[in-house]
């Protein structure tokens, strides 16, 4: 898996890079989770979370293949 710890929303302050907010892996998982919930895919929150992170990990893996 590529670097999912990179920030989802980096910002810069006074010429120093400051990373705030959630990381990219969590952001992608959150978006996948939203889609799963909207589609009524499952009522099990543990299963939803597991699948959301599987999607996130897969997207990060594919991301490094297509720079």
PDB file of N, CA and C in Angstrom:
ATOM      1  N   UNK A   1       0.850  -1.181   0.000  1.00  0.00           N
ATOM      2  CA  UNK A   1       0.000   0.000   0.000  1.00  0.00           C
ATOM      3  C   UNK A   1       0.886   1.230   0.000  1.00  0.00           C
ATOM      4  N   UNK A   2       0.484   2.242  -0.760  1.00  0.00           N
ATOM      5  CA  UNK A   2       1.242   3.486  -0.785  1.00  0.00           C
ATOM      6  C   UNK A   2       1.028   4.258   0.513  1.00  0.00           C
ATOM      7  N   UNK A   3       1.608   5.403   0.573  1.00  0.00           N
ATOM      8  CA  UNK A   3       1.584   6.186   1.798  1.00  0.00           C
ATOM      9  C   UNK A   3       0.202   6.755   2.083  1.00  0.00           C
ATOM     10  N   UNK A   4      -0.606   6.013   2.781  1.00  0.00           N
ATOM     11  CA  UNK A   4      -1.926   6.486   3.177  1.00  0.00           C
ATOM     12  C   UNK A   4      -1.867   7.446   4.342  1.00  0.00           C
ATOM     13  N   UNK A   5      -0.668   7.654   4.897  1.00  0.00           N
ATOM     14  CA  UNK A   5      -0.519   8.592   5.999  1.00  0.00           C
ATOM     15  C   UNK A   5      -0.334  10.016   5.524  1.00  0.00           C
ATOM     16  N   UNK A   6      -0.234  10.212   4.207  1.00  0.00           N
ATOM     17  CA  UNK A   6      -0.129  11.582   3.718  1.00  0.00           C
ATOM     18  C   UNK A   6      -1.434  12.306   4.028  1.00  0.00           C
ATOM     19  N   UNK A   7      -1.361  13.603   4.245  1.00  0.00           N
ATOM     20  CA  UNK A   7      -2.555  14.333   4.655  1.00  0.00           C
ATOM     21  C   UNK A   7      -3.572  14.451   3.527  1.00  0.00           C
ATOM     22  N   UNK A   8      -4.830  14.406   3.877  1.00  0.00           N
ATOM     23  CA  UNK A   8      -5.888  14.598   2.887  1.00  0.00           C
ATOM     24  C   UNK A   8      -6.023  16.076   2.537  1.00  0.00           C
ATOM     25  N   UNK A   9      -5.752  16.940   3.500  1.00  0.00           N
ATOM     26  CA  UNK A   9      -5.922  18.378   3.312  1.00  0.00           C
ATOM     27  C   UNK A   9      -4.726  19.150   3.877  1.00  0.00           C
ATOM     28  N   UNK A  10      -3.580  19.098   3.205  1.00  0.00           N
ATOM     29  CA  UNK A  10      -2.426  19.823   3.734  1.00  0.00           C
ATOM     30  C   UNK A  10      -2.630  21.328   3.604  1.00  0.00           C
ATOM     31  N   UNK A  11      -1.997  22.054   4.490  1.00  0.00           N
ATOM     32  CA  UNK A  11      -2.021  23.508   4.384  1.00  0.00           C
ATOM     33  C   UNK A  11      -0.638  24.034   4.711  1.00  0.00           C
ATOM     34  N   UNK A  12      -0.364  25.246   4.291  1.00  0.00           N
ATOM     35  CA  UNK A  12       0.941  25.840   4.503  1.00  0.00           C
ATOM     36  C   UNK A  12       0.783  27.114   5.325  1.00  0.00           C
ATOM     37  N   UNK A  13       1.703  27.305   6.256  1.00  0.00           N
ATOM     38  CA  UNK A  13       1.637  28.477   7.120  1.00  0.00           C
ATOM     39  C   UNK A  13       3.042  29.017   7.338  1.00  0.00           C
ATOM     40  N   UNK A  14       3.273  30.260   6.998  1.00  0.00           N
ATOM     41  CA  UNK A  14       4.560  30.937   7.217  1.00  0.00           C
ATOM     42  C   UNK A  14       5.748  30.146   6.678  1.00  0.00           C
ATOM     43  N   UNK A  15       5.617  29.668   5.450  1.00  0.00           N
ATOM     44  CA  UNK A  15       6.671  28.943   4.742  1.00  0.00           C
ATOM     45  C   UNK A  15       7.007  27.579   5.332  1.00  0.00           C
ATOM     46  N   UNK A  16       6.251  27.120   6.280  1.00  0.00           N
ATOM     47  CA  UNK A  16       6.452  25.786   6.839  1.00  0.00           C
ATOM     48  C   UNK A  16       5.229  24.944   6.485  1.00  0.00           C
ATOM     49  N   UNK A  17       5.488  23.738   6.036  1.00  0.00           N
ATOM     50  CA  UNK A  17       4.380  22.864   5.705  1.00  0.00           C
ATOM     51  C   UNK A  17       3.773  22.309   6.990  1.00  0.00           C
ATOM     52  N   UNK A  18       2.519  22.545   7.179  1.00  0.00           N
ATOM     53  CA  UNK A  18       1.812  22.045   8.352  1.00  0.00           C
ATOM     54  C   UNK A  18       0.686  21.149   7.852  1.00  0.00           C
ATOM     55  N   UNK A  19       0.649  19.927   8.335  1.00  0.00           N
ATOM     56  CA  UNK A  19      -0.400  18.998   7.931  1.00  0.00           C
ATOM     57  C   UNK A  19      -1.471  18.939   8.996  1.00  0.00           C
ATOM     58  N   UNK A  20      -2.677  19.187   8.578  1.00  0.00           N
ATOM     59  CA  UNK A  20      -3.789  19.141   9.526  1.00  0.00           C
ATOM     60  C   UNK A  20      -4.882  18.241   8.983  1.00  0.00           C
ATOM     61  N   UNK A  21      -5.726  17.808   9.848  1.00  0.00           N
ATOM     62  CA  UNK A  21      -6.863  17.010   9.425  1.00  0.00           C
ATOM     63  C   UNK A  21      -6.529  15.542   9.295  1.00  0.00           C
ATOM     64  N   UNK A  22      -7.429  14.813   8.673  1.00  0.00           N
ATOM     65  CA  UNK A  22      -7.278  13.363   8.551  1.00  0.00           C
ATOM     66  C   UNK A  22      -6.312  13.006   7.437  1.00  0.00           C
ATOM     67  N   UNK A  23      -5.835  11.771   7.489  1.00  0.00           N
ATOM     68  CA  UNK A  23      -4.936  11.333   6.428  1.00  0.00           C
ATOM     69  C   UNK A  23      -5.750  10.842   5.230  1.00  0.00           C
ATOM     70  N   UNK A  24      -5.046  10.642   4.135  1.00  0.00           N
ATOM     71  CA  UNK A  24      -5.705  10.286   2.882  1.00  0.00           C
ATOM     72  C   UNK A  24      -6.428   8.944   2.972  1.00  0.00           C
ATOM     73  N   UNK A  25      -5.833   7.977   3.670  1.00  0.00           N
ATOM     74  CA  UNK A  25      -6.467   6.657   3.812  1.00  0.00           C
ATOM     75  C   UNK A  25      -7.815   6.778   4.514  1.00  0.00           C
ATOM     76  N   UNK A  26      -7.849   7.542   5.594  1.00  0.00           N
ATOM     77  CA  UNK A  26      -9.107   7.723   6.324  1.00  0.00           C
ATOM     78  C   UNK A  26     -10.138   8.482   5.499  1.00  0.00           C
ATOM     79  N   UNK A  27      -9.681   9.472   4.731  1.00  0.00           N
ATOM     80  CA  UNK A  27     -10.608  10.247   3.905  1.00  0.00           C
ATOM     81  C   UNK A  27     -11.265   9.362   2.837  1.00  0.00           C
ATOM     82  N   UNK A  28     -10.459   8.541   2.166  1.00  0.00           N
ATOM     83  CA  UNK A  28     -11.020   7.650   1.145  1.00  0.00           C
ATOM     84  C   UNK A  28     -11.978   6.649   1.781  1.00  0.00           C
ATOM     85  N   UNK A  29     -11.601   6.104   2.936  1.00  0.00           N
ATOM     86  CA  UNK A  29     -12.482   5.157   3.629  1.00  0.00           C
ATOM     87  C   UNK A  29     -13.799   5.820   4.018  1.00  0.00           C
ATOM     88  N   UNK A  30     -13.733   7.066   4.460  1.00  0.00           N
ATOM     89  CA  UNK A  30     -14.948   7.783   4.837  1.00  0.00           C
ATOM     90  C   UNK A  30     -15.883   7.947   3.633  1.00  0.00           C
ATOM     91  N   UNK A  31     -15.301   8.275   2.488  1.00  0.00           N
ATOM     92  CA  UNK A  31     -16.121   8.436   1.280  1.00  0.00           C
ATOM     93  C   UNK A  31     -16.736   7.099   0.854  1.00  0.00           C
ATOM     94  N   UNK A  32     -15.967   6.032   0.946  1.00  0.00           N
ATOM     95  CA  UNK A  32     -16.502   4.706   0.610  1.00  0.00           C
ATOM     96  C   UNK A  32     -17.610   4.318   1.582  1.00  0.00           C
ATOM     97  N   UNK A  33     -17.391   4.583   2.855  1.00  0.00           N
ATOM     98  CA  UNK A  33     -18.394   4.273   3.874  1.00  0.00           C
ATOM     99  C   UNK A  33     -19.702   5.014   3.584  1.00  0.00           C
ATOM    100  N   UNK A  34     -19.581   6.262   3.201  1.00  0.00           N
ATOM    101  CA  UNK A  34     -20.760   7.055   2.855  1.00  0.00           C
ATOM    102  C   UNK A  34     -21.540   6.380   1.716  1.00  0.00           C
ATOM    103  N   UNK A  35     -20.830   5.935   0.698  1.00  0.00           N
ATOM    104  CA  UNK A  35     -21.487   5.263  -0.432  1.00  0.00           C
ATOM    105  C   UNK A  35     -22.152   3.960   0.003  1.00  0.00           C
ATOM    106  N   UNK A  36     -21.474   3.191   0.856  1.00  0.00           N
ATOM    107  CA  UNK A  36     -22.061   1.942   1.347  1.00  0.00           C
ATOM    108  C   UNK A  36     -23.339   2.205   2.135  1.00  0.00           C
ATOM    109  N   UNK A  37     -23.315   3.215   2.981  1.00  0.00           N
ATOM    110  CA  UNK A  37     -24.494   3.543   3.795  1.00  0.00           C
ATOM    111  C   UNK A  37     -25.646   3.997   2.908  1.00  0.00           C
ATOM    112  N   UNK A  38     -25.344   4.858   1.938  1.00  0.00           N
ATOM    113  CA  UNK A  38     -26.385   5.347   1.029  1.00  0.00           C
ATOM    114  C   UNK A  38     -27.031   4.225   0.226  1.00  0.00           C
ATOM    115  N   UNK A  39     -26.266   3.192  -0.070  1.00  0.00           N
ATOM    116  CA  UNK A  39     -26.810   2.098  -0.881  1.00  0.00           C
ATOM    117  C   UNK A  39     -27.457   1.002  -0.041  1.00  0.00           C
ATOM    118  N   UNK A  40     -27.497   1.192   1.285  1.00  0.00           N
ATOM    119  CA  UNK A  40     -28.047   0.177   2.198  1.00  0.00           C
ATOM    120  C   UNK A  40     -27.379  -1.171   2.001  1.00  0.00           C
ATOM    121  N   UNK A  41     -26.077  -1.159   1.775  1.00  0.00           N
ATOM    122  CA  UNK A  41     -25.321  -2.375   1.482  1.00  0.00           C
ATOM    123  C   UNK A  41     -25.330  -3.352   2.649  1.00  0.00           C
ATOM    124  N   UNK A  42     -25.251  -2.837   3.880  1.00  0.00           N
ATOM    125  CA  UNK A  42     -25.233  -3.699   5.056  1.00  0.00           C
ATOM    126  C   UNK A  42     -25.689  -2.894   6.264  1.00  0.00           C
ATOM    127  N   UNK A  43     -26.216  -3.587   7.257  1.00  0.00           N
ATOM    128  CA  UNK A  43     -26.584  -2.942   8.518  1.00  0.00           C
ATOM    129  C   UNK A  43     -25.526  -3.142   9.592  1.00  0.00           C
ATOM    130  N   UNK A  44     -24.491  -3.916   9.279  1.00  0.00           N
ATOM    131  CA  UNK A  44     -23.443  -4.227  10.245  1.00  0.00           C
ATOM    132  C   UNK A  44     -22.327  -3.181  10.178  1.00  0.00           C
ATOM    133  N   UNK A  45     -22.199  -2.334  11.200  1.00  0.00           N
ATOM    134  CA  UNK A  45     -21.202  -1.263  11.143  1.00  0.00           C
ATOM    135  C   UNK A  45     -19.763  -1.769  11.074  1.00  0.00           C
ATOM    136  N   UNK A  46     -19.476  -2.900  11.682  1.00  0.00           N
ATOM    137  CA  UNK A  46     -18.122  -3.459  11.623  1.00  0.00           C
ATOM    138  C   UNK A  46     -17.797  -3.882  10.197  1.00  0.00           C
ATOM    139  N   UNK A  47     -18.733  -4.558   9.552  1.00  0.00           N
ATOM    140  CA  UNK A  47     -18.532  -4.982   8.164  1.00  0.00           C
ATOM    141  C   UNK A  47     -18.394  -3.772   7.241  1.00  0.00           C
ATOM    142  N   UNK A  48     -19.196  -2.757   7.459  1.00  0.00           N
ATOM    143  CA  UNK A  48     -19.102  -1.538   6.645  1.00  0.00           C
ATOM    144  C   UNK A  48     -17.721  -0.905   6.778  1.00  0.00           C
ATOM    145  N   UNK A  49     -17.219  -0.807   8.005  1.00  0.00           N
ATOM    146  CA  UNK A  49     -15.902  -0.206   8.238  1.00  0.00           C
ATOM    147  C   UNK A  49     -14.801  -1.032   7.578  1.00  0.00           C
ATOM    148  N   UNK A  50     -14.868  -2.354   7.730  1.00  0.00           N
ATOM    149  CA  UNK A  50     -13.861  -3.226   7.110  1.00  0.00           C
ATOM    150  C   UNK A  50     -13.838  -3.045   5.601  1.00  0.00           C
ATOM    151  N   UNK A  51     -15.007  -3.037   4.987  1.00  0.00           N
ATOM    152  CA  UNK A  51     -15.083  -2.897   3.534  1.00  0.00           C
ATOM    153  C   UNK A  51     -14.624  -1.513   3.076  1.00  0.00           C
ATOM    154  N   UNK A  52     -14.945  -0.493   3.851  1.00  0.00           N
ATOM    155  CA  UNK A  52     -14.522   0.861   3.497  1.00  0.00           C
ATOM    156  C   UNK A  52     -12.994   0.960   3.471  1.00  0.00           C
ATOM    157  N   UNK A  53     -12.325   0.354   4.454  1.00  0.00           N
ATOM    158  CA  UNK A  53     -10.867   0.381   4.465  1.00  0.00           C
ATOM    159  C   UNK A  53     -10.265  -0.524   3.396  1.00  0.00           C
ATOM    160  N   UNK A  54     -10.958  -1.584   3.021  1.00  0.00           N
ATOM    161  CA  UNK A  54     -10.480  -2.398   1.904  1.00  0.00           C
ATOM    162  C   UNK A  54     -10.493  -1.581   0.613  1.00  0.00           C
ATOM    163  N   UNK A  55     -11.552  -0.814   0.415  1.00  0.00           N
ATOM    164  CA  UNK A  55     -11.637   0.060  -0.758  1.00  0.00           C
ATOM    165  C   UNK A  55     -10.518   1.097  -0.710  1.00  0.00           C
ATOM    166  N   UNK A  56     -10.326   1.706   0.440  1.00  0.00           N
ATOM    167  CA  UNK A  56      -9.288   2.722   0.583  1.00  0.00           C
ATOM    168  C   UNK A  56      -7.904   2.151   0.284  1.00  0.00           C
ATOM    169  N   UNK A  57      -7.602   1.000   0.855  1.00  0.00           N
ATOM    170  CA  UNK A  57      -6.299   0.376   0.614  1.00  0.00           C
ATOM    171  C   UNK A  57      -6.098   0.056  -0.864  1.00  0.00           C
ATOM    172  N   UNK A  58      -7.143  -0.445  -1.506  1.00  0.00           N
ATOM    173  CA  UNK A  58      -7.052  -0.770  -2.929  1.00  0.00           C
ATOM    174  C   UNK A  58      -6.819   0.492  -3.761  1.00  0.00           C
ATOM    175  N   UNK A  59      -7.501   1.548  -3.431  1.00  0.00           N
ATOM    176  CA  UNK A  59      -7.320   2.796  -4.178  1.00  0.00           C
ATOM    177  C   UNK A  59      -5.908   3.342  -4.002  1.00  0.00           C
ATOM    178  N   UNK A  60      -5.386   3.270  -2.800  1.00  0.00           N
ATOM    179  CA  UNK A  60      -4.021   3.746  -2.570  1.00  0.00           C
ATOM    180  C   UNK A  60      -3.006   2.874  -3.292  1.00  0.00           C
ATOM    181  N   UNK A  61      -3.243   1.577  -3.343  1.00  0.00           N
ATOM    182  CA  UNK A  61      -2.352   0.679  -4.083  1.00  0.00           C
ATOM    183  C   UNK A  61      -2.359   1.011  -5.573  1.00  0.00           C
ATOM    184  N   UNK A  62      -3.528   1.260  -6.125  1.00  0.00           N
ATOM    185  CA  UNK A  62      -3.647   1.588  -7.545  1.00  0.00           C
ATOM    186  C   UNK A  62      -3.066   2.968  -7.857  1.00  0.00           C
ATOM    187  N   UNK A  63      -3.155   3.848  -6.896  1.00  0.00           N
ATOM    188  CA  UNK A  63      -2.675   5.231  -7.085  1.00  0.00           C
ATOM    189  C   UNK A  63      -1.194   5.266  -7.458  1.00  0.00           C
ATOM    190  N   UNK A  64      -0.388   4.404  -6.866  1.00  0.00           N
ATOM    191  CA  UNK A  64       1.045   4.413  -7.156  1.00  0.00           C
ATOM    192  C   UNK A  64       1.351   3.873  -8.551  1.00  0.00           C
ATOM    193  N   UNK A  65       0.435   3.128  -9.134  1.00  0.00           N
ATOM    194  CA  UNK A  65       0.633   2.579 -10.480  1.00  0.00           C
ATOM    195  C   UNK A  65       0.433   3.635 -11.563  1.00  0.00           C
ATOM    196  N   UNK A  66      -0.314   4.682 -11.247  1.00  0.00           N
ATOM    197  CA  UNK A  66      -0.666   5.701 -12.231  1.00  0.00           C
ATOM    198  C   UNK A  66      -0.323   7.089 -11.696  1.00  0.00           C
ATOM    199  N   UNK A  67       0.963   7.416 -11.694  1.00  0.00           N
ATOM    200  CA  UNK A  67       1.371   8.719 -11.121  1.00  0.00           C
ATOM    201  C   UNK A  67       0.873   9.912 -11.898  1.00  0.00           C
TER     202      UNK A  67
END
